[in-house]
């Protein structure tokens, strides 16, 4: 607790992955639907 967080993105897995910062300290945590 207090060291992380989560963000919901209305996009495909592919597009979301392209939007991720290059630092590698975030990742796709769930895929709930096509967008």
ModelCIF file with pLDDT and N, C-alpha, C, O atoms, coordinates in Angstrom:
data_MODEL
#
_entry.id   MODEL 
#
_entity.id                         1 
_entity.type                       polymer 
_entity.pdbx_number_of_molecules   1 
#
_entity_poly.entity_id                      1 
_entity_poly.type                           'polypeptide(L)' 
_entity_poly.nstd_linkage                   no 
_entity_poly.nstd_monomer                   no 
_entity_poly.pdbx_seq_one_letter_code       
;(UNK)(UNK)(UNK)(UNK)(UNK)(UNK)(UNK)(UNK)(UNK)(UNK)(UNK)(UNK)(UNK)(UNK)(UNK)(UNK)
(UNK)(UNK)(UNK)(UNK)(UNK)(UNK)(UNK)(UNK)(UNK)(UNK)(UNK)(UNK)(UNK)(UNK)(UNK)(UNK)
(UNK)(UNK)(UNK)
;
_entity_poly.pdbx_seq_one_letter_code_can   XXXXXXXXXXXXXXXXXXXXXXXXXXXXXXXXXXX 
_entity_poly.pdbx_strand_id                 A 
#
loop_
_entity_poly_seq.entity_id 
_entity_poly_seq.num 
_entity_poly_seq.mon_id 
_entity_poly_seq.hetero 
1 1  UNK n 
1 2  UNK n 
1 3  UNK n 
1 4  UNK n 
1 5  UNK n 
1 6  UNK n 
1 7  UNK n 
1 8  UNK n 
1 9  UNK n 
1 10 UNK n 
1 11 UNK n 
1 12 UNK n 
1 13 UNK n 
1 14 UNK n 
1 15 UNK n 
1 16 UNK n 
1 17 UNK n 
1 18 UNK n 
1 19 UNK n 
1 20 UNK n 
1 21 UNK n 
1 22 UNK n 
1 23 UNK n 
1 24 UNK n 
1 25 UNK n 
1 26 UNK n 
1 27 UNK n 
1 28 UNK n 
1 29 UNK n 
1 30 UNK n 
1 31 UNK n 
1 32 UNK n 
1 33 UNK n 
1 34 UNK n 
1 35 UNK n 
#
_struct_asym.id          A 
_struct_asym.entity_id   1 
#
loop_
_ma_qa_metric.id 
_ma_qa_metric.mode 
_ma_qa_metric.name 
_ma_qa_metric.software_group_id 
_ma_qa_metric.type 
1 global pLDDT . pLDDT 
2 local  pLDDT . pLDDT 
#
_ma_qa_metric_global.metric_id      1 
_ma_qa_metric_global.metric_value   96.06 
_ma_qa_metric_global.model_id       1 
_ma_qa_metric_global.ordinal_id     1 
#
loop_
_ma_qa_metric_local.label_asym_id 
_ma_qa_metric_local.label_comp_id 
_ma_qa_metric_local.label_seq_id 
_ma_qa_metric_local.metric_id 
_ma_qa_metric_local.metric_value 
_ma_qa_metric_local.model_id 
_ma_qa_metric_local.ordinal_id 
A UNK 1  2 93.00 1 1  
A UNK 2  2 93.00 1 2  
A UNK 3  2 94.00 1 3  
A UNK 4  2 96.00 1 4  
A UNK 5  2 97.00 1 5  
A UNK 6  2 98.00 1 6  
A UNK 7  2 98.00 1 7  
A UNK 8  2 98.00 1 8  
A UNK 9  2 98.00 1 9  
A UNK 10 2 98.00 1 10 
A UNK 11 2 98.00 1 11 
A UNK 12 2 97.00 1 12 
A UNK 13 2 98.00 1 13 
A UNK 14 2 97.00 1 14 
A UNK 15 2 98.00 1 15 
A UNK 16 2 98.00 1 16 
A UNK 17 2 97.00 1 17 
A UNK 18 2 97.00 1 18 
A UNK 19 2 97.00 1 19 
A UNK 20 2 97.00 1 20 
A UNK 21 2 95.00 1 21 
A UNK 22 2 90.00 1 22 
A UNK 23 2 83.00 1 23 
A UNK 24 2 87.00 1 24 
A UNK 25 2 95.00 1 25 
A UNK 26 2 97.00 1 26 
A UNK 27 2 97.00 1 27 
A UNK 28 2 98.00 1 28 
A UNK 29 2 98.00 1 29 
A UNK 30 2 98.00 1 30 
A UNK 31 2 98.00 1 31 
A UNK 32 2 98.00 1 32 
A UNK 33 2 97.00 1 33 
A UNK 34 2 97.00 1 34 
A UNK 35 2 97.00 1 35 
#
loop_
_atom_site.group_PDB 
_atom_site.id 
_atom_site.type_symbol 
_atom_site.label_atom_id 
_atom_site.label_alt_id 
_atom_site.label_comp_id 
_atom_site.label_asym_id 
_atom_site.label_entity_id 
_atom_site.label_seq_id 
_atom_site.pdbx_PDB_ins_code 
_atom_site.Cartn_x 
_atom_site.Cartn_y 
_atom_site.Cartn_z 
_atom_site.occupancy 
_atom_site.B_iso_or_equiv 
_atom_site.pdbx_formal_charge 
_atom_site.auth_seq_id 
_atom_site.auth_comp_id 
_atom_site.auth_asym_id 
_atom_site.auth_atom_id 
_atom_site.pdbx_PDB_model_num 
ATOM 1   N N  . UNK A 1 1  ? 0.829   -1.209 0.000   1.00 93.00 ? 1  UNK A N  1 
ATOM 2   C CA . UNK A 1 1  ? 0.000   0.000  0.000   1.00 93.00 ? 1  UNK A CA 1 
ATOM 3   C C  . UNK A 1 1  ? 0.862   1.256  0.000   1.00 93.00 ? 1  UNK A C  1 
ATOM 4   O O  . UNK A 1 1  ? 1.893   1.322  0.669   1.00 93.00 ? 1  UNK A O  1 
ATOM 5   N N  . UNK A 1 2  ? 0.421   2.244  -0.758  1.00 93.00 ? 2  UNK A N  1 
ATOM 6   C CA . UNK A 1 2  ? 1.086   3.530  -0.823  1.00 93.00 ? 2  UNK A CA 1 
ATOM 7   C C  . UNK A 1 2  ? 2.217   3.613  -1.824  1.00 93.00 ? 2  UNK A C  1 
ATOM 8   O O  . UNK A 1 2  ? 2.812   4.677  -1.998  1.00 93.00 ? 2  UNK A O  1 
ATOM 9   N N  . UNK A 1 3  ? 2.523   2.515  -2.482  1.00 94.00 ? 3  UNK A N  1 
ATOM 10  C CA . UNK A 1 3  ? 3.670   2.496  -3.397  1.00 94.00 ? 3  UNK A CA 1 
ATOM 11  C C  . UNK A 1 3  ? 3.271   2.284  -4.852  1.00 94.00 ? 3  UNK A C  1 
ATOM 12  O O  . UNK A 1 3  ? 4.129   2.274  -5.736  1.00 94.00 ? 3  UNK A O  1 
ATOM 13  N N  . UNK A 1 4  ? 1.989   2.116  -5.104  1.00 96.00 ? 4  UNK A N  1 
ATOM 14  C CA . UNK A 1 4  ? 1.572   1.841  -6.475  1.00 96.00 ? 4  UNK A CA 1 
ATOM 15  C C  . UNK A 1 4  ? 0.187   2.354  -6.749  1.00 96.00 ? 4  UNK A C  1 
ATOM 16  O O  . UNK A 1 4  ? -0.397  3.072  -5.937  1.00 96.00 ? 4  UNK A O  1 
ATOM 17  N N  . UNK A 1 5  ? -0.333  1.987  -7.890  1.00 97.00 ? 5  UNK A N  1 
ATOM 18  C CA . UNK A 1 5  ? -1.680  2.390  -8.265  1.00 97.00 ? 5  UNK A CA 1 
ATOM 19  C C  . UNK A 1 5  ? -2.112  1.650  -9.513  1.00 97.00 ? 5  UNK A C  1 
ATOM 20  O O  . UNK A 1 5  ? -1.367  0.836  -10.060 1.00 97.00 ? 5  UNK A O  1 
ATOM 21  N N  . UNK A 1 6  ? -3.330  1.942  -9.957  1.00 98.00 ? 6  UNK A N  1 
ATOM 22  C CA . UNK A 1 6  ? -3.881  1.281  -11.137 1.00 98.00 ? 6  UNK A CA 1 
ATOM 23  C C  . UNK A 1 6  ? -4.697  2.296  -11.929 1.00 98.00 ? 6  UNK A C  1 
ATOM 24  O O  . UNK A 1 6  ? -5.333  3.181  -11.355 1.00 98.00 ? 6  UNK A O  1 
ATOM 25  N N  . UNK A 1 7  ? -4.673  2.157  -13.249 1.00 98.00 ? 7  UNK A N  1 
ATOM 26  C CA . UNK A 1 7  ? -5.366  3.079  -14.151 1.00 98.00 ? 7  UNK A CA 1 
ATOM 27  C C  . UNK A 1 7  ? -6.162  2.262  -15.157 1.00 98.00 ? 7  UNK A C  1 
ATOM 28  O O  . UNK A 1 7  ? -5.650  1.297  -15.724 1.00 98.00 ? 7  UNK A O  1 
ATOM 29  N N  . UNK A 1 8  ? -7.409  2.646  -15.377 1.00 98.00 ? 8  UNK A N  1 
ATOM 30  C CA . UNK A 1 8  ? -8.265  2.018  -16.380 1.00 98.00 ? 8  UNK A CA 1 
ATOM 31  C C  . UNK A 1 8  ? -8.144  2.790  -17.689 1.00 98.00 ? 8  UNK A C  1 
ATOM 32  O O  . UNK A 1 8  ? -8.263  4.015  -17.706 1.00 98.00 ? 8  UNK A O  1 
ATOM 33  N N  . UNK A 1 9  ? -7.909  2.080  -18.776 1.00 98.00 ? 9  UNK A N  1 
ATOM 34  C CA . UNK A 1 9  ? -7.702  2.703  -20.086 1.00 98.00 ? 9  UNK A CA 1 
ATOM 35  C C  . UNK A 1 9  ? -8.727  2.143  -21.074 1.00 98.00 ? 9  UNK A C  1 
ATOM 36  O O  . UNK A 1 9  ? -8.858  0.926  -21.210 1.00 98.00 ? 9  UNK A O  1 
ATOM 37  N N  . UNK A 1 10 ? -9.445  3.021  -21.757 1.00 98.00 ? 10 UNK A N  1 
ATOM 38  C CA . UNK A 1 10 ? -10.447 2.598  -22.730 1.00 98.00 ? 10 UNK A CA 1 
ATOM 39  C C  . UNK A 1 10 ? -9.789  2.457  -24.100 1.00 98.00 ? 10 UNK A C  1 
ATOM 40  O O  . UNK A 1 10 ? -10.008 3.276  -24.992 1.00 98.00 ? 10 UNK A O  1 
ATOM 41  N N  . UNK A 1 11 ? -8.994  1.424  -24.252 1.00 98.00 ? 11 UNK A N  1 
ATOM 42  C CA . UNK A 1 11 ? -8.284  1.170  -25.503 1.00 98.00 ? 11 UNK A CA 1 
ATOM 43  C C  . UNK A 1 11 ? -7.949  -0.310 -25.581 1.00 98.00 ? 11 UNK A C  1 
ATOM 44  O O  . UNK A 1 11 ? -8.077  -1.033 -24.593 1.00 98.00 ? 11 UNK A O  1 
ATOM 45  N N  . UNK A 1 12 ? -7.524  -0.755 -26.739 1.00 97.00 ? 12 UNK A N  1 
ATOM 46  C CA . UNK A 1 12 ? -7.116  -2.146 -26.904 1.00 97.00 ? 12 UNK A CA 1 
ATOM 47  C C  . UNK A 1 12 ? -5.813  -2.400 -26.163 1.00 97.00 ? 12 UNK A C  1 
ATOM 48  O O  . UNK A 1 12 ? -5.115  -1.465 -25.768 1.00 97.00 ? 12 UNK A O  1 
ATOM 49  N N  . UNK A 1 13 ? -5.497  -3.668 -25.981 1.00 98.00 ? 13 UNK A N  1 
ATOM 50  C CA . UNK A 1 13 ? -4.235  -4.020 -25.333 1.00 98.00 ? 13 UNK A CA 1 
ATOM 51  C C  . UNK A 1 13 ? -3.051  -3.478 -26.132 1.00 98.00 ? 13 UNK A C  1 
ATOM 52  O O  . UNK A 1 13 ? -2.093  -2.954 -25.563 1.00 98.00 ? 13 UNK A O  1 
ATOM 53  N N  . UNK A 1 14 ? -3.130  -3.611 -27.457 1.00 97.00 ? 14 UNK A N  1 
ATOM 54  C CA . UNK A 1 14 ? -2.031  -3.162 -28.301 1.00 97.00 ? 14 UNK A CA 1 
ATOM 55  C C  . UNK A 1 14 ? -1.813  -1.656 -28.175 1.00 97.00 ? 14 UNK A C  1 
ATOM 56  O O  . UNK A 1 14 ? -0.682  -1.203 -28.002 1.00 97.00 ? 14 UNK A O  1 
ATOM 57  N N  . UNK A 1 15 ? -2.893  -0.884 -28.261 1.00 98.00 ? 15 UNK A N  1 
ATOM 58  C CA . UNK A 1 15 ? -2.735  0.566  -28.171 1.00 98.00 ? 15 UNK A CA 1 
ATOM 59  C C  . UNK A 1 15 ? -2.280  0.984  -26.774 1.00 98.00 ? 15 UNK A C  1 
ATOM 60  O O  . UNK A 1 15 ? -1.439  1.871  -26.630 1.00 98.00 ? 15 UNK A O  1 
ATOM 61  N N  . UNK A 1 16 ? -2.833  0.348  -25.758 1.00 98.00 ? 16 UNK A N  1 
ATOM 62  C CA . UNK A 1 16 ? -2.422  0.668  -24.388 1.00 98.00 ? 16 UNK A CA 1 
ATOM 63  C C  . UNK A 1 16 ? -0.927  0.396  -24.200 1.00 98.00 ? 16 UNK A C  1 
ATOM 64  O O  . UNK A 1 16 ? -0.217  1.200  -23.595 1.00 98.00 ? 16 UNK A O  1 
ATOM 65  N N  . UNK A 1 17 ? -0.458  -0.727 -24.716 1.00 97.00 ? 17 UNK A N  1 
ATOM 66  C CA . UNK A 1 17 ? 0.957   -1.072 -24.584 1.00 97.00 ? 17 UNK A CA 1 
ATOM 67  C C  . UNK A 1 17 ? 1.838   -0.009 -25.247 1.00 97.00 ? 17 UNK A C  1 
ATOM 68  O O  . UNK A 1 17 ? 2.899   0.334  -24.726 1.00 97.00 ? 17 UNK A O  1 
ATOM 69  N N  . UNK A 1 18 ? 1.394   0.507  -26.393 1.00 97.00 ? 18 UNK A N  1 
ATOM 70  C CA . UNK A 1 18 ? 2.177   1.555  -27.071 1.00 97.00 ? 18 UNK A CA 1 
ATOM 71  C C  . UNK A 1 18 ? 2.213   2.854  -26.262 1.00 97.00 ? 18 UNK A C  1 
ATOM 72  O O  . UNK A 1 18 ? 3.149   3.642  -26.396 1.00 97.00 ? 18 UNK A O  1 
ATOM 73  N N  . UNK A 1 19 ? 1.195   3.080  -25.422 1.00 97.00 ? 19 UNK A N  1 
ATOM 74  C CA . UNK A 1 19 ? 1.126   4.300  -24.629 1.00 97.00 ? 19 UNK A CA 1 
ATOM 75  C C  . UNK A 1 19 ? 1.916   4.209  -23.322 1.00 97.00 ? 19 UNK A C  1 
ATOM 76  O O  . UNK A 1 19 ? 2.121   5.223  -22.654 1.00 97.00 ? 19 UNK A O  1 
ATOM 77  N N  . UNK A 1 20 ? 2.356   3.014  -22.955 1.00 97.00 ? 20 UNK A N  1 
ATOM 78  C CA . UNK A 1 20 ? 3.060   2.846  -21.681 1.00 97.00 ? 20 UNK A CA 1 
ATOM 79  C C  . UNK A 1 20 ? 4.398   3.587  -21.694 1.00 97.00 ? 20 UNK A C  1 
ATOM 80  O O  . UNK A 1 20 ? 5.104   3.556  -22.702 1.00 97.00 ? 20 UNK A O  1 
ATOM 81  N N  . UNK A 1 21 ? 4.757   4.249  -20.597 1.00 95.00 ? 21 UNK A N  1 
ATOM 82  C CA . UNK A 1 21 ? 6.072   4.887  -20.495 1.00 95.00 ? 21 UNK A CA 1 
ATOM 83  C C  . UNK A 1 21 ? 7.188   3.864  -20.672 1.00 95.00 ? 21 UNK A C  1 
ATOM 84  O O  . UNK A 1 21 ? 6.999   2.673  -20.423 1.00 95.00 ? 21 UNK A O  1 
ATOM 85  N N  . UNK A 1 22 ? 8.344   4.337  -21.101 1.00 90.00 ? 22 UNK A N  1 
ATOM 86  C CA . UNK A 1 22 ? 9.446   3.440  -21.434 1.00 90.00 ? 22 UNK A CA 1 
ATOM 87  C C  . UNK A 1 22 ? 10.182  2.910  -20.209 1.00 90.00 ? 22 UNK A C  1 
ATOM 88  O O  . UNK A 1 22 ? 11.043  2.041  -20.347 1.00 90.00 ? 22 UNK A O  1 
ATOM 89  N N  . UNK A 1 23 ? 9.870   3.405  -19.024 1.00 83.00 ? 23 UNK A N  1 
ATOM 90  C CA . UNK A 1 23 ? 10.621  3.016  -17.831 1.00 83.00 ? 23 UNK A CA 1 
ATOM 91  C C  . UNK A 1 23 ? 10.441  1.584  -17.401 1.00 83.00 ? 23 UNK A C  1 
ATOM 92  O O  . UNK A 1 23 ? 11.281  1.055  -16.672 1.00 83.00 ? 23 UNK A O  1 
ATOM 93  N N  . UNK A 1 24 ? 9.370   0.932  -17.830 1.00 87.00 ? 24 UNK A N  1 
ATOM 94  C CA . UNK A 1 24 ? 9.144   -0.464 -17.491 1.00 87.00 ? 24 UNK A CA 1 
ATOM 95  C C  . UNK A 1 24 ? 8.610   -0.699 -16.096 1.00 87.00 ? 24 UNK A C  1 
ATOM 96  O O  . UNK A 1 24 ? 8.606   -1.832 -15.614 1.00 87.00 ? 24 UNK A O  1 
ATOM 97  N N  . UNK A 1 25 ? 8.154   0.367  -15.434 1.00 95.00 ? 25 UNK A N  1 
ATOM 98  C CA . UNK A 1 25 ? 7.652   0.209  -14.061 1.00 95.00 ? 25 UNK A CA 1 
ATOM 99  C C  . UNK A 1 25 ? 6.130   0.190  -13.994 1.00 95.00 ? 25 UNK A C  1 
ATOM 100 O O  . UNK A 1 25 ? 5.546   0.279  -12.914 1.00 95.00 ? 25 UNK A O  1 
ATOM 101 N N  . UNK A 1 26 ? 5.493   0.073  -15.155 1.00 97.00 ? 26 UNK A N  1 
ATOM 102 C CA . UNK A 1 26 ? 4.052   -0.179 -15.227 1.00 97.00 ? 26 UNK A CA 1 
ATOM 103 C C  . UNK A 1 26 ? 3.827   -1.298 -16.237 1.00 97.00 ? 26 UNK A C  1 
ATOM 104 O O  . UNK A 1 26 ? 4.664   -1.548 -17.104 1.00 97.00 ? 26 UNK A O  1 
ATOM 105 N N  . UNK A 1 27 ? 2.690   -1.963 -16.112 1.00 97.00 ? 27 UNK A N  1 
ATOM 106 C CA . UNK A 1 27 ? 2.396   -3.080 -17.016 1.00 97.00 ? 27 UNK A CA 1 
ATOM 107 C C  . UNK A 1 27 ? 0.888   -3.236 -17.155 1.00 97.00 ? 27 UNK A C  1 
ATOM 108 O O  . UNK A 1 27 ? 0.122   -2.699 -16.355 1.00 97.00 ? 27 UNK A O  1 
ATOM 109 N N  . UNK A 1 28 ? 0.477   -3.966 -18.164 1.00 98.00 ? 28 UNK A N  1 
ATOM 110 C CA . UNK A 1 28 ? -0.930  -4.321 -18.305 1.00 98.00 ? 28 UNK A CA 1 
ATOM 111 C C  . UNK A 1 28 ? -1.283  -5.319 -17.208 1.00 98.00 ? 28 UNK A C  1 
ATOM 112 O O  . UNK A 1 28 ? -0.676  -6.385 -17.102 1.00 98.00 ? 28 UNK A O  1 
ATOM 113 N N  . UNK A 1 29 ? -2.274  -4.957 -16.392 1.00 98.00 ? 29 UNK A N  1 
ATOM 114 C CA . UNK A 1 29 ? -2.651  -5.788 -15.246 1.00 98.00 ? 29 UNK A CA 1 
ATOM 115 C C  . UNK A 1 29 ? -3.929  -6.579 -15.484 1.00 98.00 ? 29 UNK A C  1 
ATOM 116 O O  . UNK A 1 29 ? -4.152  -7.607 -14.844 1.00 98.00 ? 29 UNK A O  1 
ATOM 117 N N  . UNK A 1 30 ? -4.769  -6.106 -16.402 1.00 98.00 ? 30 UNK A N  1 
ATOM 118 C CA . UNK A 1 30 ? -6.024  -6.810 -16.686 1.00 98.00 ? 30 UNK A CA 1 
ATOM 119 C C  . UNK A 1 30 ? -6.519  -6.419 -18.057 1.00 98.00 ? 30 UNK A C  1 
ATOM 120 O O  . UNK A 1 30 ? -6.378  -5.273 -18.484 1.00 98.00 ? 30 UNK A O  1 
ATOM 121 N N  . UNK A 1 31 ? -7.104  -7.387 -18.743 1.00 98.00 ? 31 UNK A N  1 
ATOM 122 C CA . UNK A 1 31 ? -7.765  -7.139 -20.026 1.00 98.00 ? 31 UNK A CA 1 
ATOM 123 C C  . UNK A 1 31 ? -9.218  -7.570 -19.853 1.00 98.00 ? 31 UNK A C  1 
ATOM 124 O O  . UNK A 1 31 ? -9.527  -8.760 -19.798 1.00 98.00 ? 31 UNK A O  1 
ATOM 125 N N  . UNK A 1 32 ? -10.101 -6.578 -19.770 1.00 98.00 ? 32 UNK A N  1 
ATOM 126 C CA . UNK A 1 32 ? -11.505 -6.853 -19.465 1.00 98.00 ? 32 UNK A CA 1 
ATOM 127 C C  . UNK A 1 32 ? -12.377 -6.934 -20.700 1.00 98.00 ? 32 UNK A C  1 
ATOM 128 O O  . UNK A 1 32 ? -13.486 -7.464 -20.640 1.00 98.00 ? 32 UNK A O  1 
ATOM 129 N N  . UNK A 1 33 ? -11.890 -6.412 -21.829 1.00 97.00 ? 33 UNK A N  1 
ATOM 130 C CA . UNK A 1 33 ? -12.649 -6.430 -23.060 1.00 97.00 ? 33 UNK A CA 1 
ATOM 131 C C  . UNK A 1 33 ? -11.785 -5.913 -24.191 1.00 97.00 ? 33 UNK A C  1 
ATOM 132 O O  . UNK A 1 33 ? -10.629 -5.556 -23.963 1.00 97.00 ? 33 UNK A O  1 
ATOM 133 N N  . UNK A 1 34 ? -12.319 -5.864 -25.417 1.00 97.00 ? 34 UNK A N  1 
ATOM 134 C CA . UNK A 1 34 ? -11.521 -5.406 -26.559 1.00 97.00 ? 34 UNK A CA 1 
ATOM 135 C C  . UNK A 1 34 ? -11.017 -3.978 -26.406 1.00 97.00 ? 34 UNK A C  1 
ATOM 136 O O  . UNK A 1 34 ? -9.982  -3.626 -26.973 1.00 97.00 ? 34 UNK A O  1 
ATOM 137 N N  . UNK A 1 35 ? -11.726 -3.155 -25.653 1.00 97.00 ? 35 UNK A N  1 
ATOM 138 C CA . UNK A 1 35 ? -11.307 -1.775 -25.429 1.00 97.00 ? 35 UNK A CA 1 
ATOM 139 C C  . UNK A 1 35 ? -11.333 -1.401 -23.969 1.00 97.00 ? 35 UNK A C  1 
ATOM 140 O O  . UNK A 1 35 ? -11.006 -0.268 -23.615 1.00 97.00 ? 35 UNK A O  1 
#
